[in-house]
Amino acid sequence: GINAEYGEFTEENIKQFLAEYEPPQIASSASQDFSSYFSQLTPCYDKHFLITKTFNSSRNPVDKPWITNGLKISSVTKHTLYNRWVGSRGKHTADMFKIAYVKYRKVHRTL
């Protein structure tokens, strides 16, 4: 995946941006003016100030060595219990799933 962040507003970046950006001509309607302004401003702004970084969305265990396989399994179980509780709200089984989730969450927080 790609993660986009805006970088620093250095004097050099601002000068380059201002040199390249040309404001649009004024049209007859406000919506056309804004559309024209936005379509010209955004690419120029992103070119000079946007920093893109790639990231691994699979949550690489090398990046977080404290997340063991047991913690992963435990987190999935907790998430499953929560989804069952939320999905059963208004039904007769809601209390049962809430109790199971709250107990498991309490144990999971102590890990």
Protein backbone atom coordinates (compact mmCIF):
# COMPACT_ATOMS: atom_id res chain seq x y z
CA GLY A 1 0.00 0.00 0.00
CA ILE A 2 0.93 3.64 -0.18
CA ASN A 3 0.76 6.11 2.65
CA ALA A 4 0.70 9.80 1.75
CA GLU A 5 1.87 12.52 4.10
CA TYR A 6 2.55 16.17 3.55
CA GLY A 7 6.15 17.16 4.03
CA GLU A 8 7.74 20.29 5.36
CA PHE A 9 6.90 23.66 3.93
CA THR A 10 10.44 24.77 3.20
CA GLU A 11 11.19 28.08 1.54
CA GLU A 12 12.50 26.26 -1.53
CA ASN A 13 9.31 24.16 -1.88
CA ILE A 14 7.11 27.23 -1.54
CA LYS A 15 9.13 29.16 -4.15
CA GLN A 16 8.92 26.26 -6.61
CA PHE A 17 5.19 25.90 -5.98
CA LEU A 18 4.51 29.61 -6.51
CA ALA A 19 6.62 29.67 -9.68
CA GLU A 20 4.71 26.76 -11.22
CA TYR A 21 1.16 27.54 -10.07
CA GLU A 22 -0.95 29.83 -12.23
CA PRO A 23 -4.37 30.87 -10.88
CA PRO A 24 -7.27 30.05 -13.22
CA GLN A 25 -9.26 32.63 -15.10
CA ILE A 26 -12.48 33.76 -13.44
CA ALA A 27 -15.55 32.13 -15.01
CA SER A 28 -19.18 33.07 -14.82
CA SER A 29 -20.27 30.75 -11.99
CA ALA A 30 -18.78 30.08 -8.59
CA SER A 31 -18.88 26.31 -9.03
CA GLN A 32 -16.89 26.55 -12.29
CA ASP A 33 -14.41 28.88 -10.61
CA PHE A 34 -13.89 26.52 -7.72
CA SER A 35 -13.63 23.44 -9.94
CA SER A 36 -11.05 25.15 -12.12
CA TYR A 37 -9.11 26.41 -9.09
CA PHE A 38 -9.14 23.04 -7.35
CA SER A 39 -8.21 21.02 -10.45
CA GLN A 40 -5.17 23.25 -11.04
CA LEU A 41 -4.11 23.69 -7.43
CA THR A 42 -4.21 20.08 -6.22
CA PRO A 43 -1.70 18.46 -8.64
CA CYS A 44 0.74 21.32 -8.26
CA TYR A 45 0.44 21.28 -4.46
CA ASP A 46 0.86 17.51 -4.30
CA LYS A 47 3.91 17.66 -6.57
CA HIS A 48 5.78 20.01 -4.25
CA PHE A 49 4.55 19.05 -0.79
CA LEU A 50 3.29 15.44 -0.86
CA ILE A 51 5.58 12.68 0.36
CA THR A 52 4.52 9.13 -0.46
CA LYS A 53 5.79 6.18 1.51
CA THR A 54 5.12 2.52 0.88
CA PHE A 55 4.13 0.34 3.77
CA ASN A 56 3.43 -3.31 4.33
CA SER A 57 -0.22 -3.73 5.19
CA SER A 58 0.24 -7.32 6.34
CA ARG A 59 1.66 -6.11 9.66
CA ASN A 60 5.06 -7.63 9.32
CA PRO A 61 6.14 -9.38 12.55
CA VAL A 62 9.68 -8.12 11.98
CA ASP A 63 8.42 -4.57 12.63
CA LYS A 64 6.65 -5.61 15.84
CA PRO A 65 8.56 -8.47 17.44
CA TRP A 66 6.52 -8.24 20.67
CA ILE A 67 3.41 -9.47 18.81
CA THR A 68 3.67 -13.22 19.22
CA ASN A 69 1.51 -15.83 17.48
CA GLY A 70 -0.36 -16.31 20.76
CA LEU A 71 -1.19 -12.60 20.95
CA LYS A 72 -2.36 -12.61 17.32
CA ILE A 73 -4.68 -15.56 17.96
CA SER A 74 -5.91 -13.98 21.18
CA SER A 75 -6.66 -10.68 19.42
CA VAL A 76 -8.58 -12.46 16.66
CA THR A 77 -10.63 -14.33 19.27
CA LYS A 78 -11.41 -11.12 21.13
CA HIS A 79 -12.42 -9.42 17.89
CA THR A 80 -14.68 -12.36 16.98
CA LEU A 81 -16.38 -12.24 20.38
CA TYR A 82 -16.92 -8.50 20.02
CA ASN A 83 -18.48 -8.92 16.57
CA ARG A 84 -20.80 -11.64 17.88
CA TRP A 85 -21.87 -9.39 20.75
CA VAL A 86 -22.51 -6.40 18.47
CA GLY A 87 -24.35 -8.60 15.96
CA SER A 88 -26.59 -10.06 18.64
CA ARG A 89 -27.75 -6.79 20.22
CA GLY A 90 -31.49 -6.85 20.68
CA LYS A 91 -31.59 -10.66 20.67
CA HIS A 92 -31.87 -13.00 23.63
CA THR A 93 -28.23 -14.12 23.21
CA ALA A 94 -26.82 -10.58 23.53
CA ASP A 95 -26.13 -10.85 27.26
CA MET A 96 -24.33 -14.16 26.83
CA PHE A 97 -22.02 -12.75 24.13
CA LYS A 98 -21.43 -9.54 26.10
CA ILE A 99 -20.35 -11.47 29.20
CA ALA A 100 -18.04 -13.70 27.15
CA TYR A 101 -16.49 -10.70 25.39
CA VAL A 102 -16.01 -8.66 28.58
CA LYS A 103 -14.38 -11.60 30.39
CA TYR A 104 -12.07 -12.36 27.47
CA ARG A 105 -11.18 -8.68 27.05
CA LYS A 106 -10.25 -8.47 30.73
CA VAL A 107 -7.92 -11.47 30.39
CA HIS A 108 -6.50 -10.18 27.08
CA ARG A 109 -5.58 -6.82 28.61
CA THR A 110 -3.42 -8.51 31.22
CA LEU A 111 -1.29 -10.32 28.62
